[in-house]
Amino acid sequence: AALLYEEDAATDEAYPPYWAELWPSAVELAHAVSEQDWHDAA
């Protein structure tokens, strides 16, 4: 919450620094991805 809003030059808008949070959805997605073998997959 202490971080500055960031500018999106493509839309001329500012947005909160959502990236800085540890979101539970990202944790669960990482866990699901780790269940499979992605050898050499793009």
ModelCIF file with pLDDT and N, C-alpha, C, O atoms, coordinates in Angstrom:
data_MODEL
#
_entry.id   MODEL 
#
_entity.id                         1 
_entity.type                       polymer 
_entity.pdbx_number_of_molecules   1 
#
_entity_poly.entity_id                      1 
_entity_poly.type                           'polypeptide(L)' 
_entity_poly.nstd_linkage                   no 
_entity_poly.nstd_monomer                   no 
_entity_poly.pdbx_seq_one_letter_code       AALLYEEDAATDEAYPPYWAELWPSAVELAHAVSEQDWHDAA 
_entity_poly.pdbx_seq_one_letter_code_can   AALLYEEDAATDEAYPPYWAELWPSAVELAHAVSEQDWHDAA 
_entity_poly.pdbx_strand_id                 A 
#
loop_
_entity_poly_seq.entity_id 
_entity_poly_seq.num 
_entity_poly_seq.mon_id 
_entity_poly_seq.hetero 
1 1  ALA n 
1 2  ALA n 
1 3  LEU n 
1 4  LEU n 
1 5  TYR n 
1 6  GLU n 
1 7  GLU n 
1 8  ASP n 
1 9  ALA n 
1 10 ALA n 
1 11 THR n 
1 12 ASP n 
1 13 GLU n 
1 14 ALA n 
1 15 TYR n 
1 16 PRO n 
1 17 PRO n 
1 18 TYR n 
1 19 TRP n 
1 20 ALA n 
1 21 GLU n 
1 22 LEU n 
1 23 TRP n 
1 24 PRO n 
1 25 SER n 
1 26 ALA n 
1 27 VAL n 
1 28 GLU n 
1 29 LEU n 
1 30 ALA n 
1 31 HIS n 
1 32 ALA n 
1 33 VAL n 
1 34 SER n 
1 35 GLU n 
1 36 GLN n 
1 37 ASP n 
1 38 TRP n 
1 39 HIS n 
1 40 ASP n 
1 41 ALA n 
1 42 ALA n 
#
_struct_asym.id          A 
_struct_asym.entity_id   1 
#
loop_
_ma_qa_metric.id 
_ma_qa_metric.mode 
_ma_qa_metric.name 
_ma_qa_metric.software_group_id 
_ma_qa_metric.type 
1 global pLDDT . pLDDT 
2 local  pLDDT . pLDDT 
#
_ma_qa_metric_global.metric_id      1 
_ma_qa_metric_global.metric_value   82.67 
_ma_qa_metric_global.model_id       1 
_ma_qa_metric_global.ordinal_id     1 
#
loop_
_ma_qa_metric_local.label_asym_id 
_ma_qa_metric_local.label_comp_id 
_ma_qa_metric_local.label_seq_id 
_ma_qa_metric_local.metric_id 
_ma_qa_metric_local.metric_value 
_ma_qa_metric_local.model_id 
_ma_qa_metric_local.ordinal_id 
A ALA 1  2 67.00 1 1  
A ALA 2  2 66.00 1 2  
A LEU 3  2 74.00 1 3  
A LEU 4  2 60.00 1 4  
A TYR 5  2 64.00 1 5  
A GLU 6  2 61.00 1 6  
A GLU 7  2 61.00 1 7  
A ASP 8  2 58.00 1 8  
A ALA 9  2 52.00 1 9  
A ALA 10 2 54.00 1 10 
A THR 11 2 56.00 1 11 
A ASP 12 2 53.00 1 12 
A GLU 13 2 59.00 1 13 
A ALA 14 2 62.00 1 14 
A TYR 15 2 63.00 1 15 
A PRO 16 2 77.00 1 16 
A PRO 17 2 83.00 1 17 
A TYR 18 2 86.00 1 18 
A TRP 19 2 88.00 1 19 
A ALA 20 2 87.00 1 20 
A GLU 21 2 91.00 1 21 
A LEU 22 2 94.00 1 22 
A TRP 23 2 96.00 1 23 
A PRO 24 2 98.00 1 24 
A SER 25 2 98.00 1 25 
A ALA 26 2 98.00 1 26 
A VAL 27 2 98.00 1 27 
A GLU 28 2 98.00 1 28 
A LEU 29 2 98.00 1 29 
A ALA 30 2 98.00 1 30 
A HIS 31 2 98.00 1 31 
A ALA 32 2 98.00 1 32 
A VAL 33 2 98.00 1 33 
A SER 34 2 98.00 1 34 
A GLU 35 2 97.00 1 35 
A GLN 36 2 97.00 1 36 
A ASP 37 2 98.00 1 37 
A TRP 38 2 98.00 1 38 
A HIS 39 2 98.00 1 39 
A ASP 40 2 98.00 1 40 
A ALA 41 2 98.00 1 41 
A ALA 42 2 98.00 1 42 
#
loop_
_atom_site.group_PDB 
_atom_site.id 
_atom_site.type_symbol 
_atom_site.label_atom_id 
_atom_site.label_alt_id 
_atom_site.label_comp_id 
_atom_site.label_asym_id 
_atom_site.label_entity_id 
_atom_site.label_seq_id 
_atom_site.pdbx_PDB_ins_code 
_atom_site.Cartn_x 
_atom_site.Cartn_y 
_atom_site.Cartn_z 
_atom_site.occupancy 
_atom_site.B_iso_or_equiv 
_atom_site.pdbx_formal_charge 
_atom_site.auth_seq_id 
_atom_site.auth_comp_id 
_atom_site.auth_asym_id 
_atom_site.auth_atom_id 
_atom_site.pdbx_PDB_model_num 
ATOM 1   N N  . ALA A 1 1  ? 0.813  -1.212  0.000   1.00 67.00 ? 1  ALA A N  1 
ATOM 2   C CA . ALA A 1 1  ? 0.000  0.000   0.000   1.00 67.00 ? 1  ALA A CA 1 
ATOM 3   C C  . ALA A 1 1  ? 0.848  1.265   0.000   1.00 67.00 ? 1  ALA A C  1 
ATOM 4   O O  . ALA A 1 1  ? 0.364  2.336   -0.364  1.00 67.00 ? 1  ALA A O  1 
ATOM 5   N N  . ALA A 1 2  ? 2.106  1.149   0.404   1.00 66.00 ? 2  ALA A N  1 
ATOM 6   C CA . ALA A 1 2  ? 2.990  2.314   0.440   1.00 66.00 ? 2  ALA A CA 1 
ATOM 7   C C  . ALA A 1 2  ? 3.608  2.625   -0.910  1.00 66.00 ? 2  ALA A C  1 
ATOM 8   O O  . ALA A 1 2  ? 4.243  3.667   -1.068  1.00 66.00 ? 2  ALA A O  1 
ATOM 9   N N  . LEU A 1 3  ? 3.438  1.743   -1.890  1.00 74.00 ? 3  LEU A N  1 
ATOM 10  C CA . LEU A 1 3  ? 4.051  1.956   -3.195  1.00 74.00 ? 3  LEU A CA 1 
ATOM 11  C C  . LEU A 1 3  ? 3.243  2.947   -4.019  1.00 74.00 ? 3  LEU A C  1 
ATOM 12  O O  . LEU A 1 3  ? 2.036  3.100   -3.831  1.00 74.00 ? 3  LEU A O  1 
ATOM 13  N N  . LEU A 1 4  ? 3.923  3.604   -4.920  1.00 60.00 ? 4  LEU A N  1 
ATOM 14  C CA . LEU A 1 4  ? 3.271  4.568   -5.784  1.00 60.00 ? 4  LEU A CA 1 
ATOM 15  C C  . LEU A 1 4  ? 2.442  3.874   -6.854  1.00 60.00 ? 4  LEU A C  1 
ATOM 16  O O  . LEU A 1 4  ? 2.764  2.774   -7.304  1.00 60.00 ? 4  LEU A O  1 
ATOM 17  N N  . TYR A 1 5  ? 1.352  4.555   -7.252  1.00 64.00 ? 5  TYR A N  1 
ATOM 18  C CA . TYR A 1 5  ? 0.629  4.097   -8.426  1.00 64.00 ? 5  TYR A CA 1 
ATOM 19  C C  . TYR A 1 5  ? 1.559  4.152   -9.631  1.00 64.00 ? 5  TYR A C  1 
ATOM 20  O O  . TYR A 1 5  ? 2.479  4.968   -9.681  1.00 64.00 ? 5  TYR A O  1 
ATOM 21  N N  . GLU A 1 6  ? 1.309  3.273   -10.604 1.00 61.00 ? 6  GLU A N  1 
ATOM 22  C CA . GLU A 1 6  ? 2.151  3.207   -11.785 1.00 61.00 ? 6  GLU A CA 1 
ATOM 23  C C  . GLU A 1 6  ? 1.358  3.629   -13.018 1.00 61.00 ? 6  GLU A C  1 
ATOM 24  O O  . GLU A 1 6  ? 0.147  3.417   -13.092 1.00 61.00 ? 6  GLU A O  1 
ATOM 25  N N  . GLU A 1 7  ? 2.055  4.228   -13.987 1.00 61.00 ? 7  GLU A N  1 
ATOM 26  C CA . GLU A 1 7  ? 1.411  4.725   -15.189 1.00 61.00 ? 7  GLU A CA 1 
ATOM 27  C C  . GLU A 1 7  ? 1.384  3.651   -16.274 1.00 61.00 ? 7  GLU A C  1 
ATOM 28  O O  . GLU A 1 7  ? 2.373  2.954   -16.497 1.00 61.00 ? 7  GLU A O  1 
ATOM 29  N N  . ASP A 1 8  ? 0.252  3.530   -16.937 1.00 58.00 ? 8  ASP A N  1 
ATOM 30  C CA . ASP A 1 8  ? 0.116  2.678   -18.103 1.00 58.00 ? 8  ASP A CA 1 
ATOM 31  C C  . ASP A 1 8  ? 0.062  3.596   -19.312 1.00 58.00 ? 8  ASP A C  1 
ATOM 32  O O  . ASP A 1 8  ? -0.979 4.178   -19.618 1.00 58.00 ? 8  ASP A O  1 
ATOM 33  N N  . ALA A 1 9  ? 1.199  3.721   -20.002 1.00 52.00 ? 9  ALA A N  1 
ATOM 34  C CA . ALA A 1 9  ? 1.286  4.674   -21.108 1.00 52.00 ? 9  ALA A CA 1 
ATOM 35  C C  . ALA A 1 9  ? 0.308  4.330   -22.229 1.00 52.00 ? 9  ALA A C  1 
ATOM 36  O O  . ALA A 1 9  ? -0.175 5.223   -22.925 1.00 52.00 ? 9  ALA A O  1 
ATOM 37  N N  . ALA A 1 10 ? 0.017  3.057   -22.406 1.00 54.00 ? 10 ALA A N  1 
ATOM 38  C CA . ALA A 1 10 ? -0.858 2.644   -23.505 1.00 54.00 ? 10 ALA A CA 1 
ATOM 39  C C  . ALA A 1 10 ? -2.288 3.121   -23.298 1.00 54.00 ? 10 ALA A C  1 
ATOM 40  O O  . ALA A 1 10 ? -3.011 3.349   -24.268 1.00 54.00 ? 10 ALA A O  1 
ATOM 41  N N  . THR A 1 11 ? -2.705 3.274   -22.042 1.00 56.00 ? 11 THR A N  1 
ATOM 42  C CA . THR A 1 11 ? -4.084 3.673   -21.768 1.00 56.00 ? 11 THR A CA 1 
ATOM 43  C C  . THR A 1 11 ? -4.186 5.020   -21.085 1.00 56.00 ? 11 THR A C  1 
ATOM 44  O O  . THR A 1 11 ? -5.285 5.510   -20.827 1.00 56.00 ? 11 THR A O  1 
ATOM 45  N N  . ASP A 1 12 ? -3.040 5.623   -20.790 1.00 53.00 ? 12 ASP A N  1 
ATOM 46  C CA . ASP A 1 12 ? -3.004 6.914   -20.101 1.00 53.00 ? 12 ASP A CA 1 
ATOM 47  C C  . ASP A 1 12 ? -3.743 6.840   -18.766 1.00 53.00 ? 12 ASP A C  1 
ATOM 48  O O  . ASP A 1 12 ? -4.485 7.753   -18.407 1.00 53.00 ? 12 ASP A O  1 
ATOM 49  N N  . GLU A 1 13 ? -3.531 5.737   -18.033 1.00 59.00 ? 13 GLU A N  1 
ATOM 50  C CA . GLU A 1 13 ? -4.151 5.544   -16.741 1.00 59.00 ? 13 GLU A CA 1 
ATOM 51  C C  . GLU A 1 13 ? -3.105 5.131   -15.712 1.00 59.00 ? 13 GLU A C  1 
ATOM 52  O O  . GLU A 1 13 ? -2.054 4.587   -16.049 1.00 59.00 ? 13 GLU A O  1 
ATOM 53  N N  . ALA A 1 14 ? -3.419 5.402   -14.466 1.00 62.00 ? 14 ALA A N  1 
ATOM 54  C CA . ALA A 1 14 ? -2.582 4.923   -13.370 1.00 62.00 ? 14 ALA A CA 1 
ATOM 55  C C  . ALA A 1 14 ? -3.282 3.757   -12.693 1.00 62.00 ? 14 ALA A C  1 
ATOM 56  O O  . ALA A 1 14 ? -4.511 3.692   -12.673 1.00 62.00 ? 14 ALA A O  1 
ATOM 57  N N  . TYR A 1 15 ? -2.501 2.834   -12.139 1.00 63.00 ? 15 TYR A N  1 
ATOM 58  C CA . TYR A 1 15 ? -3.092 1.668   -11.506 1.00 63.00 ? 15 TYR A CA 1 
ATOM 59  C C  . TYR A 1 15 ? -2.290 1.303   -10.264 1.00 63.00 ? 15 TYR A C  1 
ATOM 60  O O  . TYR A 1 15 ? -1.093 1.583   -10.191 1.00 63.00 ? 15 TYR A O  1 
ATOM 61  N N  . PRO A 1 16 ? -2.942 0.681   -9.290  1.00 77.00 ? 16 PRO A N  1 
ATOM 62  C CA . PRO A 1 16 ? -2.245 0.310   -8.045  1.00 77.00 ? 16 PRO A CA 1 
ATOM 63  C C  . PRO A 1 16 ? -1.170 -0.741  -8.314  1.00 77.00 ? 16 PRO A C  1 
ATOM 64  O O  . PRO A 1 16 ? -1.245 -1.461  -9.310  1.00 77.00 ? 16 PRO A O  1 
ATOM 65  N N  . PRO A 1 17 ? -0.175 -0.833  -7.437  1.00 83.00 ? 17 PRO A N  1 
ATOM 66  C CA . PRO A 1 17 ? 0.888  -1.826  -7.602  1.00 83.00 ? 17 PRO A CA 1 
ATOM 67  C C  . PRO A 1 17 ? 0.444  -3.204  -7.117  1.00 83.00 ? 17 PRO A C  1 
ATOM 68  O O  . PRO A 1 17 ? 0.979  -3.733  -6.143  1.00 83.00 ? 17 PRO A O  1 
ATOM 69  N N  . TYR A 1 18 ? -0.544 -3.780  -7.814  1.00 86.00 ? 18 TYR A N  1 
ATOM 70  C CA . TYR A 1 18 ? -1.071 -5.086  -7.426  1.00 86.00 ? 18 TYR A CA 1 
ATOM 71  C C  . TYR A 1 18 ? 0.021  -6.157  -7.403  1.00 86.00 ? 18 TYR A C  1 
ATOM 72  O O  . TYR A 1 18 ? -0.062 -7.120  -6.640  1.00 86.00 ? 18 TYR A O  1 
ATOM 73  N N  . TRP A 1 19 ? 1.037  -5.986  -8.236  1.00 88.00 ? 19 TRP A N  1 
ATOM 74  C CA . TRP A 1 19 ? 2.090  -6.991  -8.370  1.00 88.00 ? 19 TRP A CA 1 
ATOM 75  C C  . TRP A 1 19 ? 2.790  -7.289  -7.053  1.00 88.00 ? 19 TRP A C  1 
ATOM 76  O O  . TRP A 1 19 ? 3.316  -8.386  -6.865  1.00 88.00 ? 19 TRP A O  1 
ATOM 77  N N  . ALA A 1 20 ? 2.803  -6.311  -6.127  1.00 87.00 ? 20 ALA A N  1 
ATOM 78  C CA . ALA A 1 20 ? 3.615  -6.437  -4.919  1.00 87.00 ? 20 ALA A CA 1 
ATOM 79  C C  . ALA A 1 20 ? 2.992  -7.329  -3.851  1.00 87.00 ? 20 ALA A C  1 
ATOM 80  O O  . ALA A 1 20 ? 3.653  -7.680  -2.874  1.00 87.00 ? 20 ALA A O  1 
ATOM 81  N N  . GLU A 1 21 ? 1.730  -7.698  -4.029  1.00 91.00 ? 21 GLU A N  1 
ATOM 82  C CA . GLU A 1 21 ? 1.054  -8.549  -3.061  1.00 91.00 ? 21 GLU A CA 1 
ATOM 83  C C  . GLU A 1 21 ? 1.319  -10.027 -3.356  1.00 91.00 ? 21 GLU A C  1 
ATOM 84  O O  . GLU A 1 21 ? 1.529  -10.411 -4.506  1.00 91.00 ? 21 GLU A O  1 
ATOM 85  N N  . LEU A 1 22 ? 1.306  -10.840 -2.318  1.00 94.00 ? 22 LEU A N  1 
ATOM 86  C CA . LEU A 1 22 ? 1.343  -12.294 -2.483  1.00 94.00 ? 22 LEU A CA 1 
ATOM 87  C C  . LEU A 1 22 ? -0.103 -12.775 -2.573  1.00 94.00 ? 22 LEU A C  1 
ATOM 88  O O  . LEU A 1 22 ? -0.769 -12.943 -1.551  1.00 94.00 ? 22 LEU A O  1 
ATOM 89  N N  . TRP A 1 23 ? -0.584 -12.996 -3.786  1.00 96.00 ? 23 TRP A N  1 
ATOM 90  C CA . TRP A 1 23 ? -1.979 -13.357 -3.990  1.00 96.00 ? 23 TRP A CA 1 
ATOM 91  C C  . TRP A 1 23 ? -2.164 -14.869 -3.870  1.00 96.00 ? 23 TRP A C  1 
ATOM 92  O O  . TRP A 1 23 ? -1.402 -15.629 -4.467  1.00 96.00 ? 23 TRP A O  1 
ATOM 93  N N  . PRO A 1 24 ? -3.162 -15.315 -3.106  1.00 98.00 ? 24 PRO A N  1 
ATOM 94  C CA . PRO A 1 24 ? -3.402 -16.757 -2.972  1.00 98.00 ? 24 PRO A CA 1 
ATOM 95  C C  . PRO A 1 24 ? -3.625 -17.457 -4.305  1.00 98.00 ? 24 PRO A C  1 
ATOM 96  O O  . PRO A 1 24 ? -3.243 -18.617 -4.459  1.00 98.00 ? 24 PRO A O  1 
ATOM 97  N N  . SER A 1 25 ? -4.234 -16.779 -5.270  1.00 98.00 ? 25 SER A N  1 
ATOM 98  C CA . SER A 1 25 ? -4.459 -17.405 -6.579  1.00 98.00 ? 25 SER A CA 1 
ATOM 99  C C  . SER A 1 25 ? -3.143 -17.763 -7.250  1.00 98.00 ? 25 SER A C  1 
ATOM 100 O O  . SER A 1 25 ? -3.041 -18.806 -7.896  1.00 98.00 ? 25 SER A O  1 
ATOM 101 N N  . ALA A 1 26 ? -2.133 -16.909 -7.106  1.00 98.00 ? 26 ALA A N  1 
ATOM 102 C CA . ALA A 1 26 ? -0.826 -17.196 -7.701  1.00 98.00 ? 26 ALA A CA 1 
ATOM 103 C C  . ALA A 1 26 ? -0.185 -18.408 -7.035  1.00 98.00 ? 26 ALA A C  1 
ATOM 104 O O  . ALA A 1 26 ? 0.441  -19.229 -7.704  1.00 98.00 ? 26 ALA A O  1 
ATOM 105 N N  . VAL A 1 27 ? -0.341 -18.519 -5.720  1.00 98.00 ? 27 VAL A N  1 
ATOM 106 C CA . VAL A 1 27 ? 0.211  -19.662 -4.995  1.00 98.00 ? 27 VAL A CA 1 
ATOM 107 C C  . VAL A 1 27 ? -0.455 -20.953 -5.463  1.00 98.00 ? 27 VAL A C  1 
ATOM 108 O O  . VAL A 1 27 ? 0.222  -21.952 -5.708  1.00 98.00 ? 27 VAL A O  1 
ATOM 109 N N  . GLU A 1 28 ? -1.784 -20.930 -5.585  1.00 98.00 ? 28 GLU A N  1 
ATOM 110 C CA . GLU A 1 28 ? -2.504 -22.141 -5.993  1.00 98.00 ? 28 GLU A CA 1 
ATOM 111 C C  . GLU A 1 28 ? -2.207 -22.499 -7.440  1.00 98.00 ? 28 GLU A C  1 
ATOM 112 O O  . GLU A 1 28 ? -2.132 -23.679 -7.780  1.00 98.00 ? 28 GLU A O  1 
ATOM 113 N N  . LEU A 1 29 ? -2.037 -21.499 -8.298  1.00 98.00 ? 29 LEU A N  1 
ATOM 114 C CA . LEU A 1 29 ? -1.690 -21.790 -9.683  1.00 98.00 ? 29 LEU A CA 1 
ATOM 115 C C  . LEU A 1 29 ? -0.295 -22.393 -9.765  1.00 98.00 ? 29 LEU A C  1 
ATOM 116 O O  . LEU A 1 29 ? -0.073 -23.352 -10.504 1.00 98.00 ? 29 LEU A O  1 
ATOM 117 N N  . ALA A 1 30 ? 0.644  -21.837 -9.010  1.00 98.00 ? 30 ALA A N  1 
ATOM 118 C CA . ALA A 1 30 ? 1.996  -22.411 -8.984  1.00 98.00 ? 30 ALA A CA 1 
ATOM 119 C C  . ALA A 1 30 ? 1.962  -23.864 -8.524  1.00 98.00 ? 30 ALA A C  1 
ATOM 120 O O  . ALA A 1 30 ? 2.659  -24.713 -9.080  1.00 98.00 ? 30 ALA A O  1 
ATOM 121 N N  . HIS A 1 31 ? 1.148  -24.148 -7.506  1.00 98.00 ? 31 HIS A N  1 
ATOM 122 C CA . HIS A 1 31 ? 1.041  -25.511 -6.997  1.00 98.00 ? 31 HIS A CA 1 
ATOM 123 C C  . HIS A 1 31 ? 0.491  -26.450 -8.067  1.00 98.00 ? 31 HIS A C  1 
ATOM 124 O O  . HIS A 1 31 ? 0.984  -27.566 -8.228  1.00 98.00 ? 31 HIS A O  1 
ATOM 125 N N  . ALA A 1 32 ? -0.531 -26.001 -8.799  1.00 98.00 ? 32 ALA A N  1 
ATOM 126 C CA . ALA A 1 32 ? -1.113 -26.843 -9.852  1.00 98.00 ? 32 ALA A CA 1 
ATOM 127 C C  . ALA A 1 32 ? -0.119 -27.071 -10.984 1.00 98.00 ? 32 ALA A C  1 
ATOM 128 O O  . ALA A 1 32 ? -0.017 -28.181 -11.506 1.00 98.00 ? 32 ALA A O  1 
ATOM 129 N N  . VAL A 1 33 ? 0.607  -26.037 -11.364 1.00 98.00 ? 33 VAL A N  1 
ATOM 130 C CA . VAL A 1 33 ? 1.602  -26.177 -12.425 1.00 98.00 ? 33 VAL A CA 1 
ATOM 131 C C  . VAL A 1 33 ? 2.670  -27.188 -12.029 1.00 98.00 ? 33 VAL A C  1 
ATOM 132 O O  . VAL A 1 33 ? 3.141  -27.962 -12.862 1.00 98.00 ? 33 VAL A O  1 
ATOM 133 N N  . SER A 1 34 ? 3.047  -27.177 -10.758 1.00 98.00 ? 34 SER A N  1 
ATOM 134 C CA . SER A 1 34 ? 4.137  -28.044 -10.297 1.00 98.00 ? 34 SER A CA 1 
ATOM 135 C C  . SER A 1 34 ? 3.752  -29.521 -10.276 1.00 98.00 ? 34 SER A C  1 
ATOM 136 O O  . SER A 1 34 ? 4.614  -30.381 -10.093 1.00 98.00 ? 34 SER A O  1 
ATOM 137 N N  . GLU A 1 35 ? 2.485  -29.821 -10.459 1.00 97.00 ? 35 GLU A N  1 
ATOM 138 C CA . GLU A 1 35 ? 2.040  -31.220 -10.463 1.00 97.00 ? 35 GLU A CA 1 
ATOM 139 C C  . GLU A 1 35 ? 2.414  -31.947 -11.749 1.00 97.00 ? 35 GLU A C  1 
ATOM 140 O O  . GLU A 1 35 ? 2.415  -33.177 -11.783 1.00 97.00 ? 35 GLU A O  1 
ATOM 141 N N  . GLN A 1 36 ? 2.733  -31.199 -12.809 1.00 97.00 ? 36 GLN A N  1 
ATOM 142 C CA . GLN A 1 36 ? 2.977  -31.830 -14.105 1.00 97.00 ? 36 GLN A CA 1 
ATOM 143 C C  . GLN A 1 36 ? 4.406  -31.578 -14.576 1.00 97.00 ? 36 GLN A C  1 
ATOM 144 O O  . GLN A 1 36 ? 5.119  -30.722 -14.053 1.00 97.00 ? 36 GLN A O  1 
ATOM 145 N N  . ASP A 1 37 ? 4.793  -32.355 -15.581 1.00 98.00 ? 37 ASP A N  1 
ATOM 146 C CA . ASP A 1 37 ? 6.101  -32.202 -16.202 1.00 98.00 ? 37 ASP A CA 1 
ATOM 147 C C  . ASP A 1 37 ? 5.946  -31.319 -17.442 1.00 98.00 ? 37 ASP A C  1 
ATOM 148 O O  . ASP A 1 37 ? 5.211  -31.666 -18.366 1.00 98.00 ? 37 ASP A O  1 
ATOM 149 N N  . TRP A 1 38 ? 6.634  -30.187 -17.459 1.00 98.00 ? 38 TRP A N  1 
ATOM 150 C CA . TRP A 1 38 ? 6.552  -29.261 -18.577 1.00 98.00 ? 38 TRP A CA 1 
ATOM 151 C C  . TRP A 1 38 ? 7.872  -29.211 -19.352 1.00 98.00 ? 38 TRP A C  1 
ATOM 152 O O  . TRP A 1 38 ? 8.246  -28.165 -19.882 1.00 98.00 ? 38 TRP A O  1 
ATOM 153 N N  . HIS A 1 39 ? 8.568  -30.339 -19.412 1.00 98.00 ? 39 HIS A N  1 
ATOM 154 C CA . HIS A 1 39 ? 9.883  -30.375 -20.048 1.00 98.00 ? 39 HIS A CA 1 
ATOM 155 C C  . HIS A 1 39 ? 9.834  -29.814 -21.468 1.00 98.00 ? 39 HIS A C  1 
ATOM 156 O O  . HIS A 1 39 ? 9.118  -30.318 -22.332 1.00 98.00 ? 39 HIS A O  1 
ATOM 157 N N  . ASP A 1 40 ? 10.608 -28.768 -21.680 1.00 98.00 ? 40 ASP A N  1 
ATOM 158 C CA . ASP A 1 40 ? 10.795 -28.127 -22.984 1.00 98.00 ? 40 ASP A CA 1 
ATOM 159 C C  . ASP A 1 40 ? 9.519  -27.481 -23.522 1.00 98.00 ? 40 ASP A C  1 
ATOM 160 O O  . ASP A 1 40 ? 9.475  -27.112 -24.696 1.00 98.00 ? 40 ASP A O  1 
ATOM 161 N N  . ALA A 1 41 ? 8.487  -27.335 -22.701 1.00 98.00 ? 41 ALA A N  1 
ATOM 162 C CA . ALA A 1 41 ? 7.264  -26.668 -23.142 1.00 98.00 ? 41 ALA A CA 1 
ATOM 163 C C  . ALA A 1 41 ? 7.451  -25.157 -23.082 1.00 98.00 ? 41 ALA A C  1 
ATOM 164 O O  . ALA A 1 41 ? 8.071  -24.640 -22.153 1.00 98.00 ? 41 ALA A O  1 
ATOM 165 N N  . ALA A 1 42 ? 6.914  -24.453 -24.071 1.00 98.00 ? 42 ALA A N  1 
ATOM 166 C CA . ALA A 1 42 ? 6.939  -22.994 -24.072 1.00 98.00 ? 42 ALA A CA 1 
ATOM 167 C C  . ALA A 1 42 ? 5.801  -22.491 -23.195 1.00 98.00 ? 42 ALA A C  1 
ATOM 168 O O  . ALA A 1 42 ? 5.625  -21.282 -23.045 1.00 98.00 ? 42 ALA A O  1 
#
